[in-house]
Amino acid sequence: MEKNSMKKNIERYQLFLKISIIIYVLYISLSVCHEKILLADDLAMVYEYRSISQSYFSFICSFLDSSTMAARPVSGSFTGTLLFASQYNESAYWLGLFFFPLSLLVIYILAQKILSVQLASLITLLYACSMIGTSIQFSIIMLNSNLATIFFCLSIYILYFHKNIFLSSLLFIASVFSYEIFLPLLFLHLFLIKENKKRITFIIITLGIIIIFRKIIQPVIFVNSYQRDEIDKVFNLKRVIQISLYSAKLFFRDIFSGIFKSISNYKKLNFFEWILVIIVPSLVYKIFCDYDFKSQRKRFEKLFLISAIAIVCGMSIFLFSSYIPTLFGFDNRNLGAVRLFFTIFIISAAILLAVKVNIGNKVVASFFAISASVFMITNISVKNSWIYANHFNHELFSKLKTTLDENHIIGGEIGLDYDIFNELKTNPNFTFREPVFYYNWEAPMLSKMNGINPEKIRVCNVERKKDCKIIFTYKNGKIIRLK
């Protein structure tokens, strides 16, 4: 009777946790939607395709024929569809944010099938609140990363439970053609396939289609095709060392720096957010305080090893590109795969350590509860930072508009200087140096949204273009003309 009662209580806690996670995730996504946050590449994308005169099919074809989308036709089709729909209702573009909750659902289903309902909920929660690759949660254009995650998880699901090599291969290819972040994780499929012949078949199908498309079909179909992989960089020892150092900095310094900043901003959490931060970790503790970890030790050892290797493989994509691993700004957008397996790594490492040292379940449950609390506070802080960055951009351009009117400037090239790097480092409202106005391609949309005619006045960031004839500086909330 007592065991049945305990089981019912855990099931009840589990149900409440699921509901709480859904409420939390939707709250974060809807907050971003409500604020209509447009930062970084989203600004350029929306401005470039603000008016579409083509039919849907013609537009998608022309949209994919670009340096950024030609290599990613799957996610490009989804992004193009949202842009096309936004000409009828501008809010349609923000629907792209909900690919992140959709990816959480797929992650949960996969984790539930392989592990347990309890661990699936924990993985989903910590992944949803992870401080790694925050752009994939708050930037619409990064639906490509979320699609890559969805297709990757589905490919694992099909392979693990249905042993369908061909369908799993197609889903993995769809993941790569959405975003390349999971390409180095091909080893995981090979690990799950037990027969050598099937492994070879999987490799031939998967890599064959990817290589044929990238090297033969893509350049033929798309005029503006661009080969994004730079294989020669992997032989650059100096760059390999640089990537290694940046990766170490990311895991051993930047994560904790972001957490510290987030906790320092705890007063900015509203009442509803505090309720969630209290309830969710409490439910996590209740669920895991009597969970049987010891009987699944071997499974956690495998998870620990696989996730550790997956993190290394996930970071290896930087060896084949010009990007560097970072948690900051919009440049953290390539870390979707690392975000997923880092979450699994933390959980499996904590459980293994607890089992080996023979720590009680309540200690493990407390660790998970505290982790959930810290992750949630950090995630909410990042959400607030993205909202702040959006407001910062609009305030910057709104005040520039006022100053331009006062100076009777109706055309020309305008330089705007506001010491961006110092602002990002010293302003406590930024958690991971969220993307404020930096690249000149962001300016036209910001200008348009704040009453400046981008066809007559071209606003440039002085950091990107120093030779502007007219320069204004923004300091202490005021725009001052320098020349």
Protein backbone atom coordinates (compact mmCIF):
# COMPACT_ATOMS: atom_id res chain seq x y z
CA MET A 1 0.00 0.00 0.00
CA GLU A 2 2.77 2.38 0.94
CA LYS A 3 4.64 1.69 -2.30
CA ASN A 4 1.49 2.23 -4.35
CA SER A 5 0.84 5.48 -2.54
CA MET A 6 4.42 6.62 -3.16
CA LYS A 7 4.15 5.66 -6.83
CA LYS A 8 0.93 7.64 -7.20
CA ASN A 9 2.55 10.66 -5.56
CA ILE A 10 5.52 10.49 -7.93
CA GLU A 11 3.18 10.19 -10.91
CA ARG A 12 1.29 13.21 -9.63
CA TYR A 13 4.51 15.18 -9.18
CA GLN A 14 5.60 14.10 -12.64
CA LEU A 15 2.37 15.36 -14.18
CA PHE A 16 2.72 18.68 -12.37
CA LEU A 17 6.32 18.96 -13.55
CA LYS A 18 5.33 18.36 -17.18
CA ILE A 19 2.64 21.02 -16.94
CA SER A 20 5.04 23.44 -15.24
CA ILE A 21 7.70 22.93 -17.93
CA ILE A 22 5.13 23.52 -20.68
CA ILE A 23 3.93 26.70 -18.97
CA TYR A 24 7.50 27.89 -18.47
CA VAL A 25 8.64 27.24 -22.04
CA LEU A 26 5.54 28.84 -23.55
CA TYR A 27 5.90 31.81 -21.19
CA ILE A 28 9.46 32.45 -22.38
CA SER A 29 8.55 32.07 -26.07
CA LEU A 30 5.43 34.21 -25.78
CA SER A 31 7.39 36.90 -23.93
CA VAL A 32 9.75 37.16 -26.90
CA CYS A 33 6.80 37.16 -29.31
CA HIS A 34 4.99 39.83 -27.33
CA GLU A 35 8.03 42.10 -27.42
CA LYS A 36 8.52 41.34 -31.13
CA ILE A 37 12.24 40.98 -30.65
CA LEU A 38 14.29 41.40 -33.81
CA LEU A 39 18.04 41.32 -33.39
CA ALA A 40 21.12 40.52 -35.46
CA ASP A 41 20.45 38.58 -38.67
CA ASP A 42 16.68 38.66 -38.18
CA LEU A 43 16.78 42.42 -38.78
CA ALA A 44 18.54 41.98 -42.10
CA MET A 45 16.27 39.11 -43.13
CA VAL A 46 13.00 40.91 -42.42
CA TYR A 47 14.15 44.10 -44.15
CA GLU A 48 15.44 42.35 -47.25
CA TYR A 49 12.18 40.46 -47.74
CA ARG A 50 9.76 43.11 -46.45
CA SER A 51 7.94 43.13 -49.79
CA ILE A 52 7.55 40.05 -51.97
CA SER A 53 6.01 40.27 -55.43
CA GLN A 54 6.62 36.66 -56.52
CA SER A 55 4.44 33.61 -56.18
CA TYR A 56 5.19 31.30 -53.26
CA PHE A 57 7.08 28.71 -55.28
CA SER A 58 9.11 31.30 -57.19
CA PHE A 59 9.98 33.09 -53.97
CA ILE A 60 11.15 29.91 -52.22
CA CYS A 61 13.35 29.04 -55.19
CA SER A 62 14.93 32.50 -55.25
CA PHE A 63 15.22 32.56 -51.45
CA LEU A 64 17.14 29.29 -51.41
CA ASP A 65 19.45 30.60 -54.13
CA SER A 66 21.61 32.53 -51.68
CA SER A 67 24.95 31.99 -49.98
CA THR A 68 23.32 31.26 -46.62
CA MET A 69 20.39 29.09 -47.71
CA ALA A 70 21.70 27.06 -50.65
CA ALA A 71 23.48 24.63 -48.32
CA ARG A 72 20.43 24.44 -46.02
CA PRO A 73 17.43 23.85 -48.27
CA VAL A 74 15.31 22.19 -45.57
CA SER A 75 15.43 24.96 -42.97
CA GLY A 76 15.59 27.53 -45.77
CA SER A 77 12.20 26.37 -47.03
CA PHE A 78 10.68 26.84 -43.57
CA THR A 79 12.25 30.27 -43.10
CA GLY A 80 11.17 31.34 -46.57
CA THR A 81 7.62 30.19 -45.87
CA LEU A 82 7.47 32.32 -42.72
CA LEU A 83 8.82 35.34 -44.59
CA PHE A 84 6.28 34.83 -47.36
CA ALA A 85 3.45 34.53 -44.82
CA SER A 86 4.64 37.65 -42.99
CA GLN A 87 3.70 39.84 -45.96
CA TYR A 88 0.06 39.11 -45.08
CA ASN A 89 0.58 39.25 -41.31
CA GLU A 90 3.89 40.46 -39.91
CA SER A 91 3.40 38.35 -36.79
CA ALA A 92 3.77 35.19 -38.88
CA TYR A 93 7.55 35.53 -38.83
CA TRP A 94 7.61 35.14 -35.04
CA LEU A 95 6.04 31.71 -35.37
CA GLY A 96 9.59 30.57 -36.04
CA LEU A 97 10.25 30.86 -32.32
CA PHE A 98 7.99 27.89 -31.66
CA PHE A 99 10.32 25.48 -33.41
CA PHE A 100 12.27 25.56 -30.14
CA PRO A 101 9.37 24.21 -28.03
CA LEU A 102 8.75 21.68 -30.80
CA SER A 103 12.36 20.50 -30.52
CA LEU A 104 11.83 20.11 -26.76
CA LEU A 105 8.86 17.86 -27.41
CA VAL A 106 10.91 15.62 -29.70
CA ILE A 107 13.79 15.51 -27.20
CA TYR A 108 11.35 14.55 -24.45
CA ILE A 109 9.77 11.75 -26.48
CA LEU A 110 13.17 10.30 -27.38
CA ALA A 111 14.53 10.55 -23.83
CA GLN A 112 11.36 9.06 -22.39
CA LYS A 113 11.59 6.04 -24.67
CA ILE A 114 15.30 5.43 -24.04
CA LEU A 115 15.52 6.38 -20.35
CA SER A 116 12.47 7.19 -18.24
CA VAL A 117 9.73 9.77 -17.89
CA GLN A 118 11.51 11.38 -14.94
CA LEU A 119 14.87 11.75 -16.66
CA ALA A 120 13.20 12.87 -19.88
CA SER A 121 11.54 15.72 -18.00
CA LEU A 122 14.83 16.71 -16.38
CA ILE A 123 16.75 16.61 -19.66
CA THR A 124 14.04 18.65 -21.38
CA LEU A 125 13.97 21.21 -18.58
CA LEU A 126 17.73 21.72 -18.38
CA TYR A 127 18.05 21.80 -22.17
CA ALA A 128 15.27 24.39 -22.37
CA CYS A 129 17.10 26.59 -19.86
CA SER A 130 20.66 25.94 -20.96
CA MET A 131 23.04 28.88 -21.21
CA ILE A 132 24.78 27.29 -24.20
CA GLY A 133 23.69 28.56 -27.61
CA THR A 134 21.02 30.93 -26.31
CA SER A 135 20.41 32.35 -29.80
CA ILE A 136 18.64 29.17 -30.87
CA GLN A 137 15.93 29.91 -28.32
CA PHE A 138 15.46 33.63 -28.88
CA SER A 139 16.26 34.22 -32.56
CA ILE A 140 13.68 33.35 -35.19
CA ILE A 141 16.18 32.72 -37.95
CA MET A 142 17.77 30.05 -35.75
CA LEU A 143 14.83 27.77 -36.38
CA ASN A 144 17.41 26.06 -38.59
CA SER A 145 19.21 24.80 -35.47
CA ASN A 146 15.96 23.64 -33.90
CA LEU A 147 14.97 21.82 -37.07
CA ALA A 148 18.39 20.17 -37.12
CA THR A 149 17.79 19.00 -33.54
CA ILE A 150 14.33 17.70 -34.39
CA PHE A 151 15.49 15.70 -37.40
CA PHE A 152 18.56 14.40 -35.57
CA CYS A 153 16.50 13.13 -32.64
CA LEU A 154 13.96 11.58 -34.99
CA SER A 155 16.75 9.81 -36.88
CA ILE A 156 18.03 8.36 -33.59
CA TYR A 157 14.49 7.36 -32.62
CA ILE A 158 13.86 5.55 -35.91
CA LEU A 159 17.21 3.78 -35.75
CA TYR A 160 16.98 2.83 -32.07
CA PHE A 161 13.42 1.54 -32.03
CA HIS A 162 12.59 0.61 -35.63
CA LYS A 163 16.05 -0.31 -36.98
CA ASN A 164 15.17 1.45 -40.23
CA ILE A 165 18.54 2.49 -41.60
CA PHE A 166 17.23 4.17 -44.75
CA LEU A 167 14.64 6.37 -43.02
CA SER A 168 17.08 7.21 -40.23
CA SER A 169 19.64 8.23 -42.85
CA LEU A 170 17.14 10.50 -44.61
CA LEU A 171 16.23 12.18 -41.33
CA PHE A 172 19.90 12.70 -40.50
CA ILE A 173 20.43 14.23 -43.95
CA ALA A 174 17.44 16.52 -43.31
CA SER A 175 19.16 17.57 -40.08
CA VAL A 176 22.38 18.41 -41.92
CA PHE A 177 20.45 20.24 -44.65
CA SER A 178 18.80 22.29 -41.92
CA TYR A 179 22.02 23.15 -40.10
CA GLU A 180 25.33 21.32 -40.04
CA ILE A 181 25.76 21.17 -36.26
CA PHE A 182 25.05 17.44 -35.94
CA LEU A 183 27.15 16.26 -38.89
CA PRO A 184 30.15 15.23 -36.72
CA LEU A 185 27.78 13.16 -34.57
CA LEU A 186 27.35 10.55 -37.28
CA PHE A 187 29.32 8.24 -34.98
CA LEU A 188 26.29 7.89 -32.71
CA HIS A 189 24.30 6.19 -35.45
CA LEU A 190 27.21 3.88 -36.17
CA PHE A 191 27.33 3.01 -32.47
CA LEU A 192 23.65 2.07 -32.52
CA ILE A 193 23.98 -0.07 -35.65
CA LYS A 194 25.34 -3.47 -34.65
CA GLU A 195 26.11 -5.05 -38.03
CA ASN A 196 29.11 -3.86 -40.05
CA LYS A 197 27.29 -4.24 -43.38
CA LYS A 198 24.49 -2.00 -42.18
CA ARG A 199 27.00 0.52 -40.86
CA ILE A 200 28.68 0.69 -44.25
CA THR A 201 25.29 1.01 -45.95
CA PHE A 202 24.32 3.84 -43.61
CA ILE A 203 27.59 5.69 -44.24
CA ILE A 204 27.32 5.28 -48.02
CA ILE A 205 23.71 6.51 -48.13
CA THR A 206 24.21 9.39 -45.72
CA LEU A 207 27.58 10.77 -46.74
CA GLY A 208 26.94 9.91 -50.38
CA ILE A 209 23.80 12.04 -50.60
CA ILE A 210 25.33 14.89 -48.58
CA ILE A 211 28.51 15.02 -50.68
CA ILE A 212 26.68 14.65 -54.02
CA PHE A 213 24.30 17.46 -53.10
CA ARG A 214 26.95 19.79 -51.70
CA LYS A 215 29.60 19.29 -54.35
CA ILE A 216 27.56 18.55 -57.48
CA ILE A 217 23.85 19.40 -57.25
CA GLN A 218 24.08 22.57 -55.13
CA PRO A 219 26.53 24.44 -57.42
CA VAL A 220 24.46 23.48 -60.47
CA ILE A 221 21.02 24.40 -59.11
CA PHE A 222 21.97 27.54 -57.19
CA VAL A 223 23.83 30.38 -58.87
CA ASN A 224 24.78 31.90 -55.52
CA SER A 225 25.91 28.61 -54.03
CA TYR A 226 28.61 28.85 -51.38
CA GLN A 227 30.63 25.99 -49.92
CA ARG A 228 30.53 26.69 -46.20
CA ASP A 229 32.99 24.01 -45.13
CA GLU A 230 36.66 24.98 -45.08
CA ILE A 231 38.50 21.68 -44.78
CA ASP A 232 41.96 23.24 -44.97
CA LYS A 233 41.43 25.01 -41.63
CA VAL A 234 41.67 21.72 -39.75
CA PHE A 235 45.35 21.52 -40.72
CA ASN A 236 46.05 24.95 -39.28
CA LEU A 237 47.69 24.07 -35.95
CA LYS A 238 47.46 27.62 -34.66
CA ARG A 239 43.70 27.66 -35.24
CA VAL A 240 43.25 24.22 -33.66
CA ILE A 241 44.99 25.49 -30.52
CA GLN A 242 42.88 28.65 -30.60
CA ILE A 243 39.65 26.65 -30.85
CA SER A 244 40.77 24.42 -27.98
CA LEU A 245 41.50 27.41 -25.75
CA TYR A 246 38.21 29.11 -26.59
CA SER A 247 36.36 25.87 -25.90
CA ALA A 248 38.02 25.51 -22.51
CA LYS A 249 37.19 29.13 -21.72
CA LEU A 250 33.58 28.52 -22.71
CA PHE A 251 33.08 25.59 -20.34
CA PHE A 252 35.28 26.58 -17.43
CA ARG A 253 34.80 30.34 -17.28
CA ASP A 254 32.09 31.85 -19.46
CA ILE A 255 29.28 29.58 -18.24
CA PHE A 256 29.96 30.50 -14.62
CA SER A 257 30.36 34.16 -15.51
CA GLY A 258 26.91 34.14 -17.10
CA ILE A 259 25.40 32.32 -14.14
CA PHE A 260 26.92 34.85 -11.75
CA LYS A 261 25.52 37.77 -13.76
CA SER A 262 22.11 36.13 -13.87
CA ILE A 263 21.96 35.51 -10.14
CA SER A 264 23.12 39.10 -9.57
CA ASN A 265 20.03 40.21 -11.51
CA TYR A 266 17.62 38.11 -9.44
CA LYS A 267 15.65 41.22 -8.46
CA LYS A 268 14.52 41.62 -12.07
CA LEU A 269 12.50 38.42 -11.95
CA ASN A 270 8.79 39.11 -11.67
CA PHE A 271 6.36 37.40 -9.32
CA PHE A 272 5.23 34.78 -11.84
CA GLU A 273 8.82 33.91 -12.70
CA TRP A 274 9.67 33.44 -9.03
CA ILE A 275 6.68 31.13 -8.63
CA LEU A 276 7.99 28.97 -11.48
CA VAL A 277 11.57 29.04 -10.13
CA ILE A 278 10.29 27.77 -6.79
CA ILE A 279 7.73 25.22 -7.99
CA VAL A 280 9.71 23.49 -10.76
CA PRO A 281 12.87 22.69 -8.73
CA SER A 282 10.67 21.54 -5.83
CA LEU A 283 8.94 19.07 -8.13
CA VAL A 284 12.31 17.92 -9.48
CA TYR A 285 13.45 17.20 -5.93
CA LYS A 286 10.28 15.30 -5.07
CA ILE A 287 10.58 13.12 -8.18
CA PHE A 288 14.23 12.17 -7.76
CA CYS A 289 14.59 11.85 -3.99
CA ASP A 290 13.52 8.19 -4.24
CA TYR A 291 14.63 7.44 -7.80
CA ASP A 292 16.56 4.22 -8.39
CA PHE A 293 19.86 5.30 -9.94
CA LYS A 294 22.02 2.32 -8.98
CA SER A 295 20.19 -0.26 -11.08
CA GLN A 296 20.86 1.82 -14.22
CA ARG A 297 24.55 2.43 -13.59
CA LYS A 298 25.75 0.81 -16.82
CA ARG A 299 23.30 2.86 -18.85
CA PHE A 300 24.55 6.08 -17.27
CA GLU A 301 28.14 5.07 -17.94
CA LYS A 302 27.30 4.73 -21.63
CA LEU A 303 25.44 8.04 -21.59
CA PHE A 304 28.36 9.75 -19.91
CA LEU A 305 30.84 8.43 -22.45
CA ILE A 306 28.63 9.12 -25.47
CA SER A 307 27.76 12.64 -24.33
CA ALA A 308 31.41 13.47 -23.63
CA ILE A 309 32.45 12.29 -27.10
CA ALA A 310 29.45 14.08 -28.63
CA ILE A 311 30.47 17.37 -27.01
CA VAL A 312 33.97 17.07 -28.48
CA CYS A 313 32.51 16.19 -31.89
CA GLY A 314 30.02 19.03 -31.61
CA MET A 315 32.84 21.47 -30.95
CA SER A 316 34.81 20.09 -33.90
CA ILE A 317 32.58 21.95 -36.38
CA PHE A 318 34.57 25.07 -35.53
CA LEU A 319 37.67 23.44 -36.99
CA PHE A 320 36.01 23.45 -40.42
CA SER A 321 34.74 27.02 -40.37
CA SER A 322 35.79 30.57 -39.63
CA TYR A 323 33.66 30.70 -36.46
CA ILE A 324 34.99 30.44 -32.93
CA PRO A 325 33.19 28.80 -29.99
CA THR A 326 31.63 31.36 -27.68
CA LEU A 327 28.60 31.84 -25.46
CA PHE A 328 28.37 35.51 -26.34
CA GLY A 329 26.19 37.49 -28.71
CA PHE A 330 24.72 35.93 -31.83
CA ASP A 331 27.95 34.00 -32.42
CA ASN A 332 26.78 31.29 -30.01
CA ARG A 333 24.29 30.03 -32.60
CA ASN A 334 26.43 27.05 -33.66
CA LEU A 335 26.23 25.29 -30.31
CA GLY A 336 22.91 23.46 -30.64
CA ALA A 337 24.43 19.98 -30.61
CA VAL A 338 26.72 20.88 -27.72
CA ARG A 339 23.75 22.29 -25.81
CA LEU A 340 21.91 18.97 -26.07
CA PHE A 341 24.76 16.68 -25.09
CA PHE A 342 26.15 19.00 -22.43
CA THR A 343 22.77 18.67 -20.72
CA ILE A 344 22.97 14.88 -20.87
CA PHE A 345 26.60 15.00 -19.73
CA ILE A 346 25.79 17.00 -16.58
CA ILE A 347 22.98 14.65 -15.58
CA SER A 348 24.85 11.41 -16.27
CA ALA A 349 28.04 12.70 -14.62
CA ALA A 350 26.16 13.69 -11.47
CA ILE A 351 24.41 10.33 -11.25
CA LEU A 352 27.60 8.34 -11.87
CA LEU A 353 29.50 10.31 -9.25
CA ALA A 354 26.70 9.82 -6.75
CA VAL A 355 26.56 6.07 -7.39
CA LYS A 356 30.34 5.61 -7.14
CA VAL A 357 30.72 7.69 -3.99
CA ASN A 358 27.52 6.16 -2.61
CA ILE A 359 25.81 9.49 -2.04
CA GLY A 360 22.18 9.33 -1.02
CA ASN A 361 19.35 10.02 -3.43
CA LYS A 362 18.32 13.15 -1.59
CA VAL A 363 21.70 14.73 -2.29
CA VAL A 364 21.38 13.92 -6.00
CA ALA A 365 17.81 15.20 -6.01
CA SER A 366 18.98 18.39 -4.29
CA PHE A 367 21.70 18.84 -6.91
CA PHE A 368 19.17 18.47 -9.73
CA ALA A 369 16.76 20.85 -8.01
CA ILE A 370 19.46 23.48 -7.46
CA SER A 371 20.67 23.03 -11.05
CA ALA A 372 17.12 23.49 -12.32
CA SER A 373 16.76 26.64 -10.24
CA VAL A 374 20.07 28.12 -11.43
CA PHE A 375 19.37 27.20 -15.06
CA MET A 376 15.91 28.77 -14.91
CA ILE A 377 17.15 31.99 -13.33
CA THR A 378 19.88 32.20 -15.97
CA ASN A 379 17.42 31.51 -18.76
CA ILE A 380 15.00 34.16 -17.52
CA SER A 381 17.89 36.60 -17.21
CA VAL A 382 18.90 35.87 -20.81
CA LYS A 383 15.30 36.41 -21.90
CA ASN A 384 15.32 39.78 -20.14
CA SER A 385 18.64 40.61 -21.78
CA TRP A 386 17.27 39.92 -25.25
CA ILE A 387 14.29 42.13 -24.48
CA TYR A 388 16.64 44.81 -23.17
CA ALA A 389 18.86 44.55 -26.26
CA ASN A 390 15.81 45.03 -28.45
CA HIS A 391 14.76 48.10 -26.45
CA PHE A 392 18.35 49.38 -26.50
CA ASN A 393 18.46 49.24 -30.31
CA HIS A 394 15.17 51.07 -30.65
CA GLU A 395 16.15 53.72 -28.13
CA LEU A 396 19.44 54.22 -29.97
CA PHE A 397 17.79 54.73 -33.35
CA SER A 398 14.84 56.66 -31.96
CA LYS A 399 17.16 59.22 -30.37
CA LEU A 400 19.25 59.29 -33.53
CA LYS A 401 16.09 60.12 -35.49
CA THR A 402 15.37 63.04 -33.14
CA THR A 403 18.93 64.33 -33.45
CA LEU A 404 18.89 64.03 -37.24
CA ASP A 405 15.71 66.08 -37.35
CA GLU A 406 17.22 68.70 -35.05
CA ASN A 407 20.27 68.94 -37.30
CA HIS A 408 18.11 69.01 -40.45
CA ILE A 409 19.92 66.00 -41.91
CA ILE A 410 17.78 64.31 -44.56
CA GLY A 411 20.33 62.19 -46.39
CA GLY A 412 23.83 60.78 -46.50
CA GLU A 413 25.95 58.32 -44.59
CA ILE A 414 25.77 58.59 -40.81
CA GLY A 415 28.28 57.03 -38.44
CA LEU A 416 27.02 55.98 -35.02
CA ASP A 417 29.47 55.36 -32.18
CA TYR A 418 28.46 54.10 -28.76
CA ASP A 419 31.47 52.09 -27.54
CA ILE A 420 29.68 48.79 -28.05
CA PHE A 421 32.31 46.57 -26.45
CA ASN A 422 32.44 48.56 -23.25
CA GLU A 423 28.64 48.67 -23.19
CA LEU A 424 28.36 44.90 -23.48
CA LYS A 425 30.98 44.26 -20.82
CA THR A 426 29.87 46.79 -18.22
CA ASN A 427 26.10 47.01 -18.65
CA PRO A 428 24.56 44.61 -16.08
CA ASN A 429 21.47 44.20 -18.26
CA PHE A 430 23.46 42.00 -20.64
CA THR A 431 23.99 38.40 -19.55
CA PHE A 432 25.91 36.91 -22.48
CA ARG A 433 26.60 40.13 -24.40
CA GLU A 434 23.35 39.83 -26.30
CA PRO A 435 23.42 41.11 -29.91
CA VAL A 436 22.86 44.86 -30.08
CA PHE A 437 23.43 46.96 -33.21
CA TYR A 438 26.86 46.14 -34.60
CA TYR A 439 26.77 45.10 -38.25
CA ASN A 440 25.72 47.69 -40.81
CA TRP A 441 23.18 45.33 -42.38
CA GLU A 442 21.12 45.61 -39.19
CA ALA A 443 20.67 49.36 -39.64
CA PRO A 444 18.10 49.59 -42.48
CA MET A 445 15.38 47.75 -40.55
CA LEU A 446 16.14 49.57 -37.30
CA SER A 447 16.05 52.85 -39.22
CA LYS A 448 12.74 51.99 -40.84
CA MET A 449 11.18 50.95 -37.53
CA ASN A 450 12.21 54.23 -35.91
CA GLY A 451 11.19 56.69 -38.61
CA ILE A 452 14.50 57.06 -40.48
CA ASN A 453 14.31 56.56 -44.23
CA PRO A 454 16.98 53.90 -44.94
CA GLU A 455 16.89 54.71 -48.65
CA LYS A 456 18.07 58.26 -47.97
CA ILE A 457 20.05 57.90 -44.76
CA ARG A 458 22.52 55.05 -44.38
CA VAL A 459 23.40 54.46 -40.74
CA CYS A 460 26.71 52.71 -40.05
CA ASN A 461 28.38 51.52 -36.90
CA VAL A 462 31.67 53.38 -36.52
CA GLU A 463 33.26 50.12 -35.40
CA ARG A 464 32.50 48.74 -38.86
CA LYS A 465 33.02 51.91 -40.92
CA LYS A 466 35.18 54.67 -39.52
CA ASP A 467 35.30 57.07 -42.48
CA CYS A 468 31.75 58.43 -42.30
CA LYS A 469 31.52 62.17 -42.98
CA ILE A 470 28.95 62.70 -40.23
CA ILE A 471 29.43 60.93 -36.89
CA PHE A 472 27.22 60.88 -33.83
CA THR A 473 28.11 59.36 -30.48
CA TYR A 474 25.67 57.85 -28.00
CA LYS A 475 26.62 58.17 -24.36
CA ASN A 476 24.64 58.32 -21.13
CA GLY A 477 21.38 58.22 -23.05
CA LYS A 478 22.24 61.19 -25.27
CA ILE A 479 23.18 61.51 -28.94
CA ILE A 480 25.93 64.06 -29.57
CA ARG A 481 27.35 65.07 -32.94
CA LEU A 482 31.12 64.65 -33.22
CA LYS A 483 31.60 65.84 -36.79
